[in-house]
Amino acid sequence: MLLLFFVFTLAVSIYLFKRYVPVLGVPCLKAIEHIKNDIKIVDVRDFNYVQGIFPNSINIPVAYLQRNYKELNGESVIVVASSHLEKNISIRFLMRKGIKVVGYEVVGRSCKCPKLNMV
C-alpha cells in the first residue's frame, strides 16, 4: 500500500512539474524585437486568439504541436503563448524534439514579476 502511494505521489509530482514549473535557461523576450533576426516565432495560442500581432510567425497551437513540430526543422525559435501553462508545455515539448528555444513571450504579461522582482 505504501508503494502504491509513493508511485501515485511521484506521478502527480511529475505531472505538476511539467505544467507549472518554469523552464530554466529560457529567458523572457519581446518577440516583436526579434522578427528581423534569423529566429522563427512560434505562436502556440489557439487559432481563435491569434490576430496578426506577430508578422511572419508560425501559428501552431499547443494541441497541434505534436503533429506539426517538424515544420520547424530544428531551428531556433521564440515561443509566444497566452498563459504560462501553454508556455511551459510547449517549450518542454519543443526542446525534447531537438528544437532550440531561445526565449518566450506571454502575451499581455510583462517579463518581470512585480512582487518577486524576478522573471
N, C-alpha and C. Protein backbone atom coordinates (compact mmCIF):
# COMPACT_ATOMS: atom_id res chain seq x y z
N MET A 1 0.82 -1.20 0.00
CA MET A 1 0.00 0.00 0.00
C MET A 1 0.86 1.27 0.00
N LEU A 2 1.94 1.21 0.75
CA LEU A 2 2.85 2.35 0.82
C LEU A 2 3.53 2.57 -0.53
N LEU A 3 3.87 1.50 -1.21
CA LEU A 3 4.50 1.61 -2.53
C LEU A 3 3.53 2.24 -3.53
N LEU A 4 2.28 1.86 -3.49
CA LEU A 4 1.26 2.43 -4.37
C LEU A 4 1.10 3.93 -4.12
N PHE A 5 1.11 4.33 -2.85
CA PHE A 5 1.02 5.74 -2.51
C PHE A 5 2.23 6.50 -3.04
N PHE A 6 3.43 5.93 -2.90
CA PHE A 6 4.65 6.56 -3.38
C PHE A 6 4.62 6.73 -4.90
N VAL A 7 4.19 5.71 -5.62
CA VAL A 7 4.12 5.78 -7.08
C VAL A 7 3.11 6.83 -7.51
N PHE A 8 1.96 6.88 -6.86
CA PHE A 8 0.93 7.87 -7.17
C PHE A 8 1.45 9.28 -6.91
N THR A 9 2.10 9.49 -5.77
CA THR A 9 2.64 10.80 -5.43
C THR A 9 3.71 11.23 -6.43
N LEU A 10 4.56 10.31 -6.83
CA LEU A 10 5.59 10.61 -7.81
C LEU A 10 4.98 11.00 -9.15
N ALA A 11 3.96 10.27 -9.60
CA ALA A 11 3.30 10.57 -10.87
C ALA A 11 2.64 11.95 -10.84
N VAL A 12 1.98 12.28 -9.77
CA VAL A 12 1.33 13.59 -9.64
C VAL A 12 2.38 14.70 -9.60
N SER A 13 3.48 14.46 -8.91
CA SER A 13 4.55 15.46 -8.83
C SER A 13 5.16 15.74 -10.20
N ILE A 14 5.40 14.70 -10.97
CA ILE A 14 5.96 14.87 -12.32
C ILE A 14 4.98 15.63 -13.20
N TYR A 15 3.71 15.29 -13.12
CA TYR A 15 2.68 15.97 -13.90
C TYR A 15 2.64 17.46 -13.57
N LEU A 16 2.63 17.79 -12.29
CA LEU A 16 2.58 19.19 -11.87
C LEU A 16 3.86 19.93 -12.24
N PHE A 17 5.01 19.27 -12.14
CA PHE A 17 6.28 19.88 -12.50
C PHE A 17 6.29 20.29 -13.97
N LYS A 18 5.87 19.40 -14.85
CA LYS A 18 5.90 19.68 -16.29
C LYS A 18 4.97 20.82 -16.68
N ARG A 19 3.91 21.01 -15.95
CA ARG A 19 2.94 22.03 -16.31
C ARG A 19 3.20 23.38 -15.67
N TYR A 20 3.65 23.41 -14.44
CA TYR A 20 3.66 24.67 -13.69
C TYR A 20 5.04 25.22 -13.33
N VAL A 21 6.08 24.44 -13.41
CA VAL A 21 7.42 24.94 -13.07
C VAL A 21 8.06 25.51 -14.32
N PRO A 22 8.53 26.76 -14.27
CA PRO A 22 9.15 27.37 -15.46
C PRO A 22 10.39 26.60 -15.92
N VAL A 23 10.66 26.69 -17.22
CA VAL A 23 11.81 26.02 -17.80
C VAL A 23 13.04 26.87 -17.56
N LEU A 24 14.06 26.29 -16.96
CA LEU A 24 15.28 27.03 -16.67
C LEU A 24 16.09 27.26 -17.94
N GLY A 25 16.70 28.41 -18.03
CA GLY A 25 17.57 28.71 -19.16
C GLY A 25 16.87 29.29 -20.38
N VAL A 26 15.56 29.50 -20.30
CA VAL A 26 14.82 30.10 -21.40
C VAL A 26 14.30 31.45 -20.92
N PRO A 27 14.90 32.54 -21.42
CA PRO A 27 14.53 33.87 -20.91
C PRO A 27 13.25 34.42 -21.55
N CYS A 28 12.66 35.36 -20.85
CA CYS A 28 11.51 36.08 -21.38
C CYS A 28 12.04 37.15 -22.32
N LEU A 29 11.52 37.19 -23.54
CA LEU A 29 11.94 38.16 -24.55
C LEU A 29 10.71 38.81 -25.16
N LYS A 30 10.89 39.94 -25.75
CA LYS A 30 9.84 40.55 -26.55
C LYS A 30 10.01 40.03 -27.98
N ALA A 31 9.09 39.22 -28.44
CA ALA A 31 9.22 38.56 -29.74
C ALA A 31 9.24 39.57 -30.89
N ILE A 32 8.54 40.67 -30.73
CA ILE A 32 8.45 41.66 -31.81
C ILE A 32 9.83 42.27 -32.11
N GLU A 33 10.73 42.29 -31.13
CA GLU A 33 12.07 42.83 -31.33
C GLU A 33 12.97 41.89 -32.12
N HIS A 34 12.59 40.62 -32.24
CA HIS A 34 13.44 39.63 -32.89
C HIS A 34 12.89 39.16 -34.23
N ILE A 35 11.95 39.88 -34.79
CA ILE A 35 11.33 39.46 -36.05
C ILE A 35 12.32 39.46 -37.20
N LYS A 36 13.20 40.43 -37.27
CA LYS A 36 14.12 40.53 -38.40
C LYS A 36 15.33 39.62 -38.25
N ASN A 37 15.53 39.03 -37.08
CA ASN A 37 16.64 38.10 -36.88
C ASN A 37 16.35 36.78 -37.59
N ASP A 38 17.25 35.86 -37.47
CA ASP A 38 17.11 34.55 -38.09
C ASP A 38 16.29 33.60 -37.22
N ILE A 39 15.62 34.13 -36.23
CA ILE A 39 14.87 33.32 -35.28
C ILE A 39 13.40 33.29 -35.69
N LYS A 40 12.81 32.10 -35.72
CA LYS A 40 11.39 31.98 -36.04
C LYS A 40 10.55 32.22 -34.79
N ILE A 41 9.37 32.77 -34.99
CA ILE A 41 8.43 32.97 -33.89
C ILE A 41 7.32 31.95 -34.04
N VAL A 42 7.14 31.13 -33.00
CA VAL A 42 6.11 30.11 -33.00
C VAL A 42 5.02 30.55 -32.03
N ASP A 43 3.84 30.80 -32.56
CA ASP A 43 2.70 31.24 -31.77
C ASP A 43 1.89 30.01 -31.40
N VAL A 44 1.88 29.64 -30.12
CA VAL A 44 1.20 28.42 -29.68
C VAL A 44 -0.20 28.70 -29.13
N ARG A 45 -0.68 29.93 -29.33
CA ARG A 45 -2.04 30.24 -28.89
C ARG A 45 -3.05 29.59 -29.82
N ASP A 46 -4.27 29.45 -29.34
CA ASP A 46 -5.34 28.87 -30.14
C ASP A 46 -5.64 29.77 -31.34
N PHE A 47 -6.11 29.17 -32.43
CA PHE A 47 -6.41 29.92 -33.65
C PHE A 47 -7.38 31.08 -33.40
N ASN A 48 -8.29 30.92 -32.46
CA ASN A 48 -9.31 31.95 -32.18
C ASN A 48 -8.73 33.21 -31.55
N TYR A 49 -7.54 33.10 -30.90
CA TYR A 49 -6.98 34.23 -30.18
C TYR A 49 -5.86 34.94 -30.92
N VAL A 50 -5.44 34.40 -32.04
CA VAL A 50 -4.35 35.00 -32.81
C VAL A 50 -4.94 36.04 -33.75
N GLN A 51 -4.42 37.26 -33.68
CA GLN A 51 -4.93 38.34 -34.52
C GLN A 51 -3.79 39.10 -35.18
N GLY A 52 -2.83 38.39 -35.73
CA GLY A 52 -1.77 39.01 -36.52
C GLY A 52 -0.86 39.96 -35.78
N ILE A 53 -0.62 39.75 -34.50
CA ILE A 53 0.26 40.62 -33.74
C ILE A 53 1.71 40.46 -34.21
N PHE A 54 2.09 39.26 -34.55
CA PHE A 54 3.46 38.96 -34.95
C PHE A 54 3.49 38.56 -36.42
N PRO A 55 3.94 39.46 -37.28
CA PRO A 55 4.01 39.12 -38.71
C PRO A 55 5.05 38.04 -38.95
N ASN A 56 4.78 37.20 -39.94
CA ASN A 56 5.66 36.10 -40.33
C ASN A 56 5.88 35.07 -39.22
N SER A 57 4.96 35.00 -38.27
CA SER A 57 5.08 33.96 -37.24
C SER A 57 4.35 32.71 -37.71
N ILE A 58 4.72 31.60 -37.13
CA ILE A 58 4.08 30.32 -37.44
C ILE A 58 3.10 30.03 -36.31
N ASN A 59 1.83 29.83 -36.64
CA ASN A 59 0.83 29.54 -35.62
C ASN A 59 0.61 28.04 -35.56
N ILE A 60 1.09 27.44 -34.47
CA ILE A 60 0.87 26.02 -34.20
C ILE A 60 0.36 25.94 -32.76
N PRO A 61 -0.97 25.81 -32.57
CA PRO A 61 -1.49 25.72 -31.20
C PRO A 61 -0.90 24.53 -30.45
N VAL A 62 -0.89 24.62 -29.13
CA VAL A 62 -0.29 23.57 -28.30
C VAL A 62 -0.87 22.20 -28.64
N ALA A 63 -2.15 22.14 -28.90
CA ALA A 63 -2.78 20.85 -29.21
C ALA A 63 -2.27 20.24 -30.51
N TYR A 64 -1.70 21.05 -31.40
CA TYR A 64 -1.21 20.56 -32.69
C TYR A 64 0.30 20.48 -32.78
N LEU A 65 1.01 20.77 -31.70
CA LEU A 65 2.47 20.75 -31.74
C LEU A 65 3.03 19.38 -32.10
N GLN A 66 2.47 18.34 -31.54
CA GLN A 66 2.99 17.01 -31.79
C GLN A 66 2.86 16.63 -33.26
N ARG A 67 1.83 17.10 -33.90
CA ARG A 67 1.60 16.78 -35.30
C ARG A 67 2.42 17.65 -36.24
N ASN A 68 2.71 18.90 -35.86
CA ASN A 68 3.31 19.86 -36.79
C ASN A 68 4.68 20.40 -36.40
N TYR A 69 5.32 19.85 -35.39
CA TYR A 69 6.61 20.40 -34.96
C TYR A 69 7.70 20.23 -36.01
N LYS A 70 7.54 19.32 -36.95
CA LYS A 70 8.57 19.08 -37.97
C LYS A 70 8.70 20.25 -38.94
N GLU A 71 7.73 21.16 -38.97
CA GLU A 71 7.83 22.36 -39.80
C GLU A 71 8.99 23.25 -39.38
N LEU A 72 9.43 23.10 -38.13
CA LEU A 72 10.46 23.97 -37.59
C LEU A 72 11.87 23.49 -37.94
N ASN A 73 12.05 22.24 -38.31
CA ASN A 73 13.32 21.68 -38.78
C ASN A 73 14.50 21.97 -37.86
N GLY A 74 14.32 21.91 -36.56
CA GLY A 74 15.42 22.10 -35.63
C GLY A 74 15.99 23.50 -35.58
N GLU A 75 15.23 24.51 -35.97
CA GLU A 75 15.70 25.90 -35.97
C GLU A 75 15.53 26.52 -34.59
N SER A 76 16.09 27.70 -34.41
CA SER A 76 15.92 28.45 -33.17
C SER A 76 14.58 29.17 -33.21
N VAL A 77 13.84 29.11 -32.10
CA VAL A 77 12.50 29.70 -32.08
C VAL A 77 12.28 30.50 -30.80
N ILE A 78 11.32 31.41 -30.89
CA ILE A 78 10.77 32.10 -29.72
C ILE A 78 9.32 31.68 -29.63
N VAL A 79 8.89 31.24 -28.46
CA VAL A 79 7.53 30.77 -28.25
C VAL A 79 6.67 31.93 -27.75
N VAL A 80 5.52 32.13 -28.39
CA VAL A 80 4.55 33.13 -27.95
C VAL A 80 3.33 32.37 -27.46
N ALA A 81 2.94 32.61 -26.21
CA ALA A 81 1.82 31.88 -25.60
C ALA A 81 0.87 32.85 -24.93
N SER A 82 -0.32 32.35 -24.59
CA SER A 82 -1.29 33.20 -23.91
C SER A 82 -1.27 32.99 -22.40
N SER A 83 -0.61 31.94 -21.93
CA SER A 83 -0.51 31.68 -20.49
C SER A 83 0.80 30.99 -20.18
N HIS A 84 1.16 30.99 -18.93
CA HIS A 84 2.40 30.33 -18.52
C HIS A 84 2.28 28.81 -18.67
N LEU A 85 1.09 28.28 -18.53
CA LEU A 85 0.87 26.86 -18.72
C LEU A 85 1.17 26.45 -20.16
N GLU A 86 0.63 27.18 -21.13
CA GLU A 86 0.93 26.92 -22.55
C GLU A 86 2.41 27.03 -22.83
N LYS A 87 3.02 28.06 -22.26
CA LYS A 87 4.45 28.30 -22.46
C LYS A 87 5.28 27.13 -21.96
N ASN A 88 5.03 26.68 -20.74
CA ASN A 88 5.82 25.60 -20.16
C ASN A 88 5.67 24.30 -20.94
N ILE A 89 4.44 23.95 -21.29
CA ILE A 89 4.20 22.70 -22.01
C ILE A 89 4.85 22.73 -23.38
N SER A 90 4.70 23.83 -24.10
CA SER A 90 5.23 23.89 -25.46
C SER A 90 6.75 23.96 -25.47
N ILE A 91 7.36 24.71 -24.56
CA ILE A 91 8.82 24.79 -24.52
C ILE A 91 9.42 23.42 -24.20
N ARG A 92 8.87 22.73 -23.22
CA ARG A 92 9.40 21.40 -22.88
C ARG A 92 9.24 20.44 -24.04
N PHE A 93 8.11 20.49 -24.74
CA PHE A 93 7.90 19.59 -25.87
C PHE A 93 8.90 19.89 -26.99
N LEU A 94 9.04 21.16 -27.35
CA LEU A 94 9.94 21.53 -28.44
C LEU A 94 11.40 21.19 -28.12
N MET A 95 11.81 21.41 -26.89
CA MET A 95 13.18 21.09 -26.51
C MET A 95 13.42 19.58 -26.56
N ARG A 96 12.42 18.80 -26.19
CA ARG A 96 12.54 17.35 -26.26
C ARG A 96 12.69 16.86 -27.69
N LYS A 97 12.13 17.61 -28.64
CA LYS A 97 12.20 17.24 -30.05
C LYS A 97 13.43 17.82 -30.75
N GLY A 98 14.32 18.48 -30.02
CA GLY A 98 15.57 18.97 -30.59
C GLY A 98 15.50 20.36 -31.18
N ILE A 99 14.46 21.10 -30.89
CA ILE A 99 14.32 22.47 -31.38
C ILE A 99 14.84 23.41 -30.31
N LYS A 100 15.70 24.33 -30.69
CA LYS A 100 16.31 25.25 -29.73
C LYS A 100 15.35 26.41 -29.46
N VAL A 101 14.90 26.50 -28.23
CA VAL A 101 14.02 27.60 -27.82
C VAL A 101 14.88 28.65 -27.15
N VAL A 102 14.99 29.82 -27.79
CA VAL A 102 15.87 30.88 -27.27
C VAL A 102 15.14 31.84 -26.35
N GLY A 103 13.80 31.79 -26.33
CA GLY A 103 13.05 32.69 -25.47
C GLY A 103 11.56 32.47 -25.61
N TYR A 104 10.81 33.22 -24.83
CA TYR A 104 9.35 33.13 -24.87
C TYR A 104 8.75 34.49 -24.58
N GLU A 105 7.49 34.62 -24.94
CA GLU A 105 6.71 35.80 -24.56
C GLU A 105 5.30 35.34 -24.23
N VAL A 106 4.80 35.78 -23.09
CA VAL A 106 3.41 35.53 -22.72
C VAL A 106 2.66 36.82 -23.04
N VAL A 107 1.75 36.76 -23.99
CA VAL A 107 1.05 37.94 -24.47
C VAL A 107 0.21 38.54 -23.35
N GLY A 108 0.34 39.84 -23.16
CA GLY A 108 -0.42 40.54 -22.14
C GLY A 108 0.24 40.56 -20.78
N ARG A 109 1.41 39.98 -20.66
CA ARG A 109 2.11 39.95 -19.37
C ARG A 109 3.50 40.55 -19.54
N SER A 110 3.97 41.20 -18.53
CA SER A 110 5.34 41.73 -18.58
C SER A 110 6.31 40.61 -18.24
N CYS A 111 7.54 40.81 -18.57
CA CYS A 111 8.55 39.78 -18.33
C CYS A 111 8.91 39.65 -16.85
N LYS A 112 8.77 40.68 -16.10
CA LYS A 112 9.18 40.62 -14.71
C LYS A 112 7.97 40.52 -13.79
N CYS A 113 8.13 39.72 -12.76
CA CYS A 113 7.11 39.59 -11.73
C CYS A 113 7.23 40.78 -10.78
N PRO A 114 6.21 41.65 -10.68
CA PRO A 114 6.35 42.84 -9.86
C PRO A 114 6.49 42.55 -8.37
N LYS A 115 5.93 41.45 -7.88
CA LYS A 115 6.00 41.15 -6.45
C LYS A 115 7.35 40.58 -6.05
N LEU A 116 7.88 39.68 -6.87
CA LEU A 116 9.12 39.00 -6.51
C LEU A 116 10.35 39.59 -7.19
N ASN A 117 10.15 40.51 -8.12
CA ASN A 117 11.23 41.15 -8.87
C ASN A 117 12.12 40.12 -9.56
N MET A 118 11.48 39.18 -10.24
CA MET A 118 12.22 38.16 -10.98
C MET A 118 11.45 37.77 -12.22
N VAL A 119 12.11 37.07 -13.14
CA VAL A 119 11.49 36.65 -14.40
C VAL A 119 10.63 35.44 -14.13
